[in-house]
Amino acid sequence: MEEVVSSAVVQETVCQVLSGLVDRYNGKLKLNANENLERLEMAHIKLEASLGISNMWMITDSSLLHWRKKLKLAA
């Protein structure tokens, strides 16, 4: 009988610890997703700003024109 009780206690303890670890891991994933979304939004803002500025320039160099075309596609 003692073995059954101790086995049940150990099993419940392991379940509690694993559940806590999973919850903590999922919380970090959500936090990282939010951080990544904010970084992506900032990158998009910078991309649009670069395009706006480059449209004001009289660019004739083919490599820069190609770069601007790639930026427009990415935006």
PDB file of N, CA and C in Angstrom:
ATOM      1  N   MET A   1       0.823  -1.186   0.000  1.00  0.00           N
ATOM      2  CA  MET A   1       0.000   0.000   0.000  1.00  0.00           C
ATOM      3  C   MET A   1       0.872   1.258   0.000  1.00  0.00           C
ATOM      4  N   GLU A   2       1.949   1.180   0.754  1.00  0.00           N
ATOM      5  CA  GLU A   2       2.869   2.313   0.840  1.00  0.00           C
ATOM      6  C   GLU A   2       3.449   2.660  -0.526  1.00  0.00           C
ATOM      7  N   GLU A   3       3.767   1.627  -1.298  1.00  0.00           N
ATOM      8  CA  GLU A   3       4.343   1.844  -2.615  1.00  0.00           C
ATOM      9  C   GLU A   3       3.351   2.530  -3.547  1.00  0.00           C
ATOM     10  N   VAL A   4       2.092   2.176  -3.444  1.00  0.00           N
ATOM     11  CA  VAL A   4       1.059   2.778  -4.300  1.00  0.00           C
ATOM     12  C   VAL A   4       0.904   4.254  -3.980  1.00  0.00           C
ATOM     13  N   VAL A   5       0.892   4.590  -2.709  1.00  0.00           N
ATOM     14  CA  VAL A   5       0.754   5.981  -2.290  1.00  0.00           C
ATOM     15  C   VAL A   5       1.967   6.794  -2.708  1.00  0.00           C
ATOM     16  N   SER A   6       3.153   6.263  -2.488  1.00  0.00           N
ATOM     17  CA  SER A   6       4.356   6.998  -2.861  1.00  0.00           C
ATOM     18  C   SER A   6       4.451   7.133  -4.381  1.00  0.00           C
ATOM     19  N   SER A   7       4.040   6.115  -5.115  1.00  0.00           N
ATOM     20  CA  SER A   7       4.038   6.193  -6.577  1.00  0.00           C
ATOM     21  C   SER A   7       3.068   7.271  -7.052  1.00  0.00           C
ATOM     22  N   ALA A   8       1.911   7.355  -6.425  1.00  0.00           N
ATOM     23  CA  ALA A   8       0.925   8.372  -6.795  1.00  0.00           C
ATOM     24  C   ALA A   8       1.443   9.769  -6.483  1.00  0.00           C
ATOM     25  N   VAL A   9       2.122   9.909  -5.355  1.00  0.00           N
ATOM     26  CA  VAL A   9       2.678  11.218  -4.979  1.00  0.00           C
ATOM     27  C   VAL A   9       3.763  11.634  -5.969  1.00  0.00           C
ATOM     28  N   VAL A  10       4.634  10.704  -6.306  1.00  0.00           N
ATOM     29  CA  VAL A  10       5.703  11.001  -7.259  1.00  0.00           C
ATOM     30  C   VAL A  10       5.113  11.359  -8.615  1.00  0.00           C
ATOM     31  N   GLN A  11       4.119  10.599  -9.058  1.00  0.00           N
ATOM     32  CA  GLN A  11       3.496  10.859 -10.346  1.00  0.00           C
ATOM     33  C   GLN A  11       2.842  12.243 -10.365  1.00  0.00           C
ATOM     34  N   GLU A  12       2.152  12.599  -9.323  1.00  0.00           N
ATOM     35  CA  GLU A  12       1.499  13.912  -9.259  1.00  0.00           C
ATOM     36  C   GLU A  12       2.533  15.032  -9.218  1.00  0.00           C
ATOM     37  N   THR A  13       3.617  14.826  -8.493  1.00  0.00           N
ATOM     38  CA  THR A  13       4.686  15.826  -8.423  1.00  0.00           C
ATOM     39  C   THR A  13       5.311  16.044  -9.799  1.00  0.00           C
ATOM     40  N   VAL A  14       5.597  14.955 -10.494  1.00  0.00           N
ATOM     41  CA  VAL A  14       6.171  15.061 -11.835  1.00  0.00           C
ATOM     42  C   VAL A  14       5.206  15.775 -12.768  1.00  0.00           C
ATOM     43  N   CYS A  15       3.942  15.448 -12.697  1.00  0.00           N
ATOM     44  CA  CYS A  15       2.935  16.116 -13.542  1.00  0.00           C
ATOM     45  C   CYS A  15       2.886  17.613 -13.253  1.00  0.00           C
ATOM     46  N   GLN A  16       2.940  17.988 -11.993  1.00  0.00           N
ATOM     47  CA  GLN A  16       2.895  19.397 -11.618  1.00  0.00           C
ATOM     48  C   GLN A  16       4.125  20.142 -12.143  1.00  0.00           C
ATOM     49  N   VAL A  17       5.289  19.539 -11.979  1.00  0.00           N
ATOM     50  CA  VAL A  17       6.535  20.172 -12.443  1.00  0.00           C
ATOM     51  C   VAL A  17       6.522  20.320 -13.954  1.00  0.00           C
ATOM     52  N   LEU A  18       6.165  19.266 -14.674  1.00  0.00           N
ATOM     53  CA  LEU A  18       6.122  19.334 -16.133  1.00  0.00           C
ATOM     54  C   LEU A  18       5.088  20.331 -16.620  1.00  0.00           C
ATOM     55  N   SER A  19       3.950  20.383 -15.972  1.00  0.00           N
ATOM     56  CA  SER A  19       2.917  21.341 -16.350  1.00  0.00           C
ATOM     57  C   SER A  19       3.413  22.779 -16.173  1.00  0.00           C
ATOM     58  N   GLY A  20       4.119  23.021 -15.080  1.00  0.00           N
ATOM     59  CA  GLY A  20       4.691  24.352 -14.858  1.00  0.00           C
ATOM     60  C   GLY A  20       5.725  24.718 -15.904  1.00  0.00           C
ATOM     61  N   LEU A  21       6.556  23.758 -16.263  1.00  0.00           N
ATOM     62  CA  LEU A  21       7.575  24.011 -17.286  1.00  0.00           C
ATOM     63  C   LEU A  21       6.933  24.289 -18.647  1.00  0.00           C
ATOM     64  N   VAL A  22       5.920  23.532 -19.001  1.00  0.00           N
ATOM     65  CA  VAL A  22       5.224  23.745 -20.279  1.00  0.00           C
ATOM     66  C   VAL A  22       4.557  25.118 -20.298  1.00  0.00           C
ATOM     67  N   ASP A  23       3.903  25.477 -19.212  1.00  0.00           N
ATOM     68  CA  ASP A  23       3.262  26.797 -19.142  1.00  0.00           C
ATOM     69  C   ASP A  23       4.291  27.919 -19.276  1.00  0.00           C
ATOM     70  N   ARG A  24       5.415  27.785 -18.629  1.00  0.00           N
ATOM     71  CA  ARG A  24       6.458  28.796 -18.698  1.00  0.00           C
ATOM     72  C   ARG A  24       7.016  28.895 -20.120  1.00  0.00           C
ATOM     73  N   TYR A  25       7.229  27.746 -20.757  1.00  0.00           N
ATOM     74  CA  TYR A  25       7.743  27.710 -22.133  1.00  0.00           C
ATOM     75  C   TYR A  25       6.750  28.369 -23.097  1.00  0.00           C
ATOM     76  N   ASN A  26       5.471  28.063 -22.953  1.00  0.00           N
ATOM     77  CA  ASN A  26       4.452  28.666 -23.814  1.00  0.00           C
ATOM     78  C   ASN A  26       4.368  30.169 -23.604  1.00  0.00           C
ATOM     79  N   GLY A  27       4.543  30.615 -22.386  1.00  0.00           N
ATOM     80  CA  GLY A  27       4.548  32.047 -22.100  1.00  0.00           C
ATOM     81  C   GLY A  27       5.702  32.743 -22.801  1.00  0.00           C
ATOM     82  N   LYS A  28       6.867  32.113 -22.814  1.00  0.00           N
ATOM     83  CA  LYS A  28       8.032  32.694 -23.488  1.00  0.00           C
ATOM     84  C   LYS A  28       7.819  32.720 -24.996  1.00  0.00           C
ATOM     85  N   LEU A  29       7.175  31.693 -25.535  1.00  0.00           N
ATOM     86  CA  LEU A  29       6.905  31.675 -26.969  1.00  0.00           C
ATOM     87  C   LEU A  29       6.006  32.833 -27.365  1.00  0.00           C
ATOM     88  N   LYS A  30       4.992  33.099 -26.565  1.00  0.00           N
ATOM     89  CA  LYS A  30       4.084  34.214 -26.857  1.00  0.00           C
ATOM     90  C   LYS A  30       4.829  35.535 -26.778  1.00  0.00           C
ATOM     91  N   LEU A  31       5.696  35.678 -25.796  1.00  0.00           N
ATOM     92  CA  LEU A  31       6.476  36.897 -25.646  1.00  0.00           C
ATOM     93  C   LEU A  31       7.390  37.082 -26.843  1.00  0.00           C
ATOM     94  N   ASN A  32       8.071  36.030 -27.263  1.00  0.00           N
ATOM     95  CA  ASN A  32       8.964  36.124 -28.414  1.00  0.00           C
ATOM     96  C   ASN A  32       8.195  36.458 -29.682  1.00  0.00           C
ATOM     97  N   ALA A  33       6.997  35.910 -29.836  1.00  0.00           N
ATOM     98  CA  ALA A  33       6.188  36.204 -31.021  1.00  0.00           C
ATOM     99  C   ALA A  33       5.826  37.684 -31.048  1.00  0.00           C
ATOM    100  N   ASN A  34       5.482  38.254 -29.898  1.00  0.00           N
ATOM    101  CA  ASN A  34       5.154  39.676 -29.833  1.00  0.00           C
ATOM    102  C   ASN A  34       6.378  40.534 -30.147  1.00  0.00           C
ATOM    103  N   GLU A  35       7.513  40.149 -29.614  1.00  0.00           N
ATOM    104  CA  GLU A  35       8.748  40.888 -29.885  1.00  0.00           C
ATOM    105  C   GLU A  35       9.097  40.817 -31.367  1.00  0.00           C
ATOM    106  N   ASN A  36       8.949  39.649 -31.951  1.00  0.00           N
ATOM    107  CA  ASN A  36       9.254  39.491 -33.378  1.00  0.00           C
ATOM    108  C   ASN A  36       8.307  40.303 -34.238  1.00  0.00           C
ATOM    109  N   LEU A  37       7.044  40.371 -33.851  1.00  0.00           N
ATOM    110  CA  LEU A  37       6.077  41.168 -34.600  1.00  0.00           C
ATOM    111  C   LEU A  37       6.446  42.647 -34.548  1.00  0.00           C
ATOM    112  N   GLU A  38       6.849  43.126 -33.391  1.00  0.00           N
ATOM    113  CA  GLU A  38       7.265  44.523 -33.259  1.00  0.00           C
ATOM    114  C   GLU A  38       8.508  44.810 -34.101  1.00  0.00           C
ATOM    115  N   ARG A  39       9.450  43.891 -34.119  1.00  0.00           N
ATOM    116  CA  ARG A  39      10.663  44.065 -34.933  1.00  0.00           C
ATOM    117  C   ARG A  39      10.315  44.079 -36.412  1.00  0.00           C
ATOM    118  N   LEU A  40       9.377  43.221 -36.813  1.00  0.00           N
ATOM    119  CA  LEU A  40       8.953  43.169 -38.207  1.00  0.00           C
ATOM    120  C   LEU A  40       8.255  44.466 -38.614  1.00  0.00           C
ATOM    121  N   GLU A  41       7.423  44.988 -37.729  1.00  0.00           N
ATOM    122  CA  GLU A  41       6.746  46.261 -38.017  1.00  0.00           C
ATOM    123  C   GLU A  41       7.758  47.397 -38.164  1.00  0.00           C
ATOM    124  N   MET A  42       8.777  47.427 -37.304  1.00  0.00           N
ATOM    125  CA  MET A  42       9.806  48.468 -37.410  1.00  0.00           C
ATOM    126  C   MET A  42      10.599  48.326 -38.699  1.00  0.00           C
ATOM    127  N   ALA A  43      10.898  47.111 -39.084  1.00  0.00           N
ATOM    128  CA  ALA A  43      11.634  46.885 -40.332  1.00  0.00           C
ATOM    129  C   ALA A  43      10.807  47.362 -41.520  1.00  0.00           C
ATOM    130  N   HIS A  44       9.508  47.140 -41.477  1.00  0.00           N
ATOM    131  CA  HIS A  44       8.635  47.588 -42.563  1.00  0.00           C
ATOM    132  C   HIS A  44       8.579  49.112 -42.631  1.00  0.00           C
ATOM    133  N   ILE A  45       8.521  49.758 -41.492  1.00  0.00           N
ATOM    134  CA  ILE A  45       8.523  51.224 -41.457  1.00  0.00           C
ATOM    135  C   ILE A  45       9.821  51.765 -42.046  1.00  0.00           C
ATOM    136  N   LYS A  46      10.946  51.171 -41.671  1.00  0.00           N
ATOM    137  CA  LYS A  46      12.242  51.611 -42.205  1.00  0.00           C
ATOM    138  C   LYS A  46      12.321  51.372 -43.709  1.00  0.00           C
ATOM    139  N   LEU A  47      11.766  50.269 -44.163  1.00  0.00           N
ATOM    140  CA  LEU A  47      11.756  49.951 -45.581  1.00  0.00           C
ATOM    141  C   LEU A  47      10.955  50.989 -46.361  1.00  0.00           C
ATOM    142  N   GLU A  48       9.786  51.333 -45.869  1.00  0.00           N
ATOM    143  CA  GLU A  48       8.965  52.339 -46.546  1.00  0.00           C
ATOM    144  C   GLU A  48       9.643  53.708 -46.527  1.00  0.00           C
ATOM    145  N   ALA A  49      10.305  54.041 -45.431  1.00  0.00           N
ATOM    146  CA  ALA A  49      11.020  55.316 -45.354  1.00  0.00           C
ATOM    147  C   ALA A  49      12.161  55.352 -46.372  1.00  0.00           C
ATOM    148  N   SER A  50      12.888  54.247 -46.491  1.00  0.00           N
ATOM    149  CA  SER A  50      13.973  54.185 -47.476  1.00  0.00           C
ATOM    150  C   SER A  50      13.437  54.344 -48.888  1.00  0.00           C
ATOM    151  N   LEU A  51      12.319  53.729 -49.165  1.00  0.00           N
ATOM    152  CA  LEU A  51      11.713  53.865 -50.493  1.00  0.00           C
ATOM    153  C   LEU A  51      11.276  55.304 -50.755  1.00  0.00           C
ATOM    154  N   GLY A  52      10.671  55.929 -49.767  1.00  0.00           N
ATOM    155  CA  GLY A  52      10.237  57.309 -49.921  1.00  0.00           C
ATOM    156  C   GLY A  52      11.392  58.246 -50.217  1.00  0.00           C
ATOM    157  N   ILE A  53      12.477  58.061 -49.504  1.00  0.00           N
ATOM    158  CA  ILE A  53      13.656  58.904 -49.721  1.00  0.00           C
ATOM    159  C   ILE A  53      14.275  58.619 -51.081  1.00  0.00           C
ATOM    160  N   SER A  54      14.361  57.337 -51.453  1.00  0.00           N
ATOM    161  CA  SER A  54      15.004  56.991 -52.725  1.00  0.00           C
ATOM    162  C   SER A  54      14.194  57.492 -53.916  1.00  0.00           C
ATOM    163  N   ASN A  55      12.887  57.648 -53.752  1.00  0.00           N
ATOM    164  CA  ASN A  55      12.059  58.171 -54.847  1.00  0.00           C
ATOM    165  C   ASN A  55      12.351  59.647 -55.120  1.00  0.00           C
ATOM    166  N   MET A  56      12.877  60.342 -54.126  1.00  0.00           N
ATOM    167  CA  MET A  56      13.208  61.761 -54.306  1.00  0.00           C
ATOM    168  C   MET A  56      14.557  61.949 -55.000  1.00  0.00           C
ATOM    169  N   TRP A  57      15.378  60.928 -54.999  1.00  0.00           N
ATOM    170  CA  TRP A  57      16.709  61.022 -55.604  1.00  0.00           C
ATOM    171  C   TRP A  57      16.630  60.758 -57.107  1.00  0.00           C
ATOM    172  N   MET A  58      17.514  61.366 -57.827  1.00  0.00           N
ATOM    173  CA  MET A  58      17.640  61.122 -59.264  1.00  0.00           C
ATOM    174  C   MET A  58      18.645  59.992 -59.463  1.00  0.00           C
ATOM    175  N   ILE A  59      18.192  58.779 -59.324  1.00  0.00           N
ATOM    176  CA  ILE A  59      19.072  57.615 -59.392  1.00  0.00           C
ATOM    177  C   ILE A  59      19.198  57.171 -60.844  1.00  0.00           C
ATOM    178  N   THR A  60      20.454  57.027 -61.283  1.00  0.00           N
ATOM    179  CA  THR A  60      20.702  56.553 -62.641  1.00  0.00           C
ATOM    180  C   THR A  60      21.540  55.282 -62.646  1.00  0.00           C
ATOM    181  N   ASP A  61      22.167  54.979 -61.549  1.00  0.00           N
ATOM    182  CA  ASP A  61      23.005  53.781 -61.454  1.00  0.00           C
ATOM    183  C   ASP A  61      22.120  52.532 -61.482  1.00  0.00           C
ATOM    184  N   SER A  62      22.459  51.591 -62.343  1.00  0.00           N
ATOM    185  CA  SER A  62      21.612  50.408 -62.511  1.00  0.00           C
ATOM    186  C   SER A  62      21.544  49.546 -61.243  1.00  0.00           C
ATOM    187  N   SER A  63      22.640  49.445 -60.517  1.00  0.00           N
ATOM    188  CA  SER A  63      22.609  48.621 -59.298  1.00  0.00           C
ATOM    189  C   SER A  63      21.690  49.241 -58.243  1.00  0.00           C
ATOM    190  N   LEU A  64      21.696  50.566 -58.129  1.00  0.00           N
ATOM    191  CA  LEU A  64      20.801  51.225 -57.169  1.00  0.00           C
ATOM    192  C   LEU A  64      19.345  51.135 -57.617  1.00  0.00           C
ATOM    193  N   LEU A  65      19.117  51.220 -58.921  1.00  0.00           N
ATOM    194  CA  LEU A  65      17.752  51.053 -59.430  1.00  0.00           C
ATOM    195  C   LEU A  65      17.242  49.639 -59.165  1.00  0.00           C
ATOM    196  N   HIS A  66      18.135  48.677 -59.321  1.00  0.00           N
ATOM    197  CA  HIS A  66      17.780  47.291 -59.028  1.00  0.00           C
ATOM    198  C   HIS A  66      17.469  47.125 -57.539  1.00  0.00           C
ATOM    199  N   TRP A  67      18.279  47.738 -56.696  1.00  0.00           N
ATOM    200  CA  TRP A  67      18.064  47.699 -55.249  1.00  0.00           C
ATOM    201  C   TRP A  67      16.703  48.305 -54.896  1.00  0.00           C
ATOM    202  N   ARG A  68      16.378  49.449 -55.497  1.00  0.00           N
ATOM    203  CA  ARG A  68      15.094  50.092 -55.208  1.00  0.00           C
ATOM    204  C   ARG A  68      13.934  49.222 -55.681  1.00  0.00           C
ATOM    205  N   LYS A  69      14.087  48.574 -56.816  1.00  0.00           N
ATOM    206  CA  LYS A  69      13.048  47.682 -57.312  1.00  0.00           C
ATOM    207  C   LYS A  69      12.817  46.531 -56.334  1.00  0.00           C
ATOM    208  N   LYS A  70      13.908  45.966 -55.795  1.00  0.00           N
ATOM    209  CA  LYS A  70      13.793  44.881 -54.817  1.00  0.00           C
ATOM    210  C   LYS A  70      13.114  45.369 -53.536  1.00  0.00           C
ATOM    211  N   LEU A  71      13.427  46.596 -53.119  1.00  0.00           N
ATOM    212  CA  LEU A  71      12.769  47.156 -51.932  1.00  0.00           C
ATOM    213  C   LEU A  71      11.271  47.291 -52.155  1.00  0.00           C
ATOM    214  N   LYS A  72      10.890  47.763 -53.337  1.00  0.00           N
ATOM    215  CA  LYS A  72       9.459  47.911 -53.634  1.00  0.00           C
ATOM    216  C   LYS A  72       8.742  46.560 -53.599  1.00  0.00           C
ATOM    217  N   LEU A  73       9.392  45.550 -54.153  1.00  0.00           N
ATOM    218  CA  LEU A  73       8.795  44.202 -54.126  1.00  0.00           C
ATOM    219  C   LEU A  73       8.655  43.695 -52.687  1.00  0.00           C
ATOM    220  N   ALA A  74       9.649  43.968 -51.875  1.00  0.00           N
ATOM    221  CA  ALA A  74       9.609  43.503 -50.485  1.00  0.00           C
ATOM    222  C   ALA A  74       8.536  44.226 -49.691  1.00  0.00           C
ATOM    223  N   ALA A  75       8.342  45.509 -49.995  1.00  0.00           N
ATOM    224  CA  ALA A  75       7.340  46.293 -49.260  1.00  0.00           C
ATOM    225  C   ALA A  75       5.961  45.863 -49.673  1.00  0.00           C
TER     226      ALA A  75
END
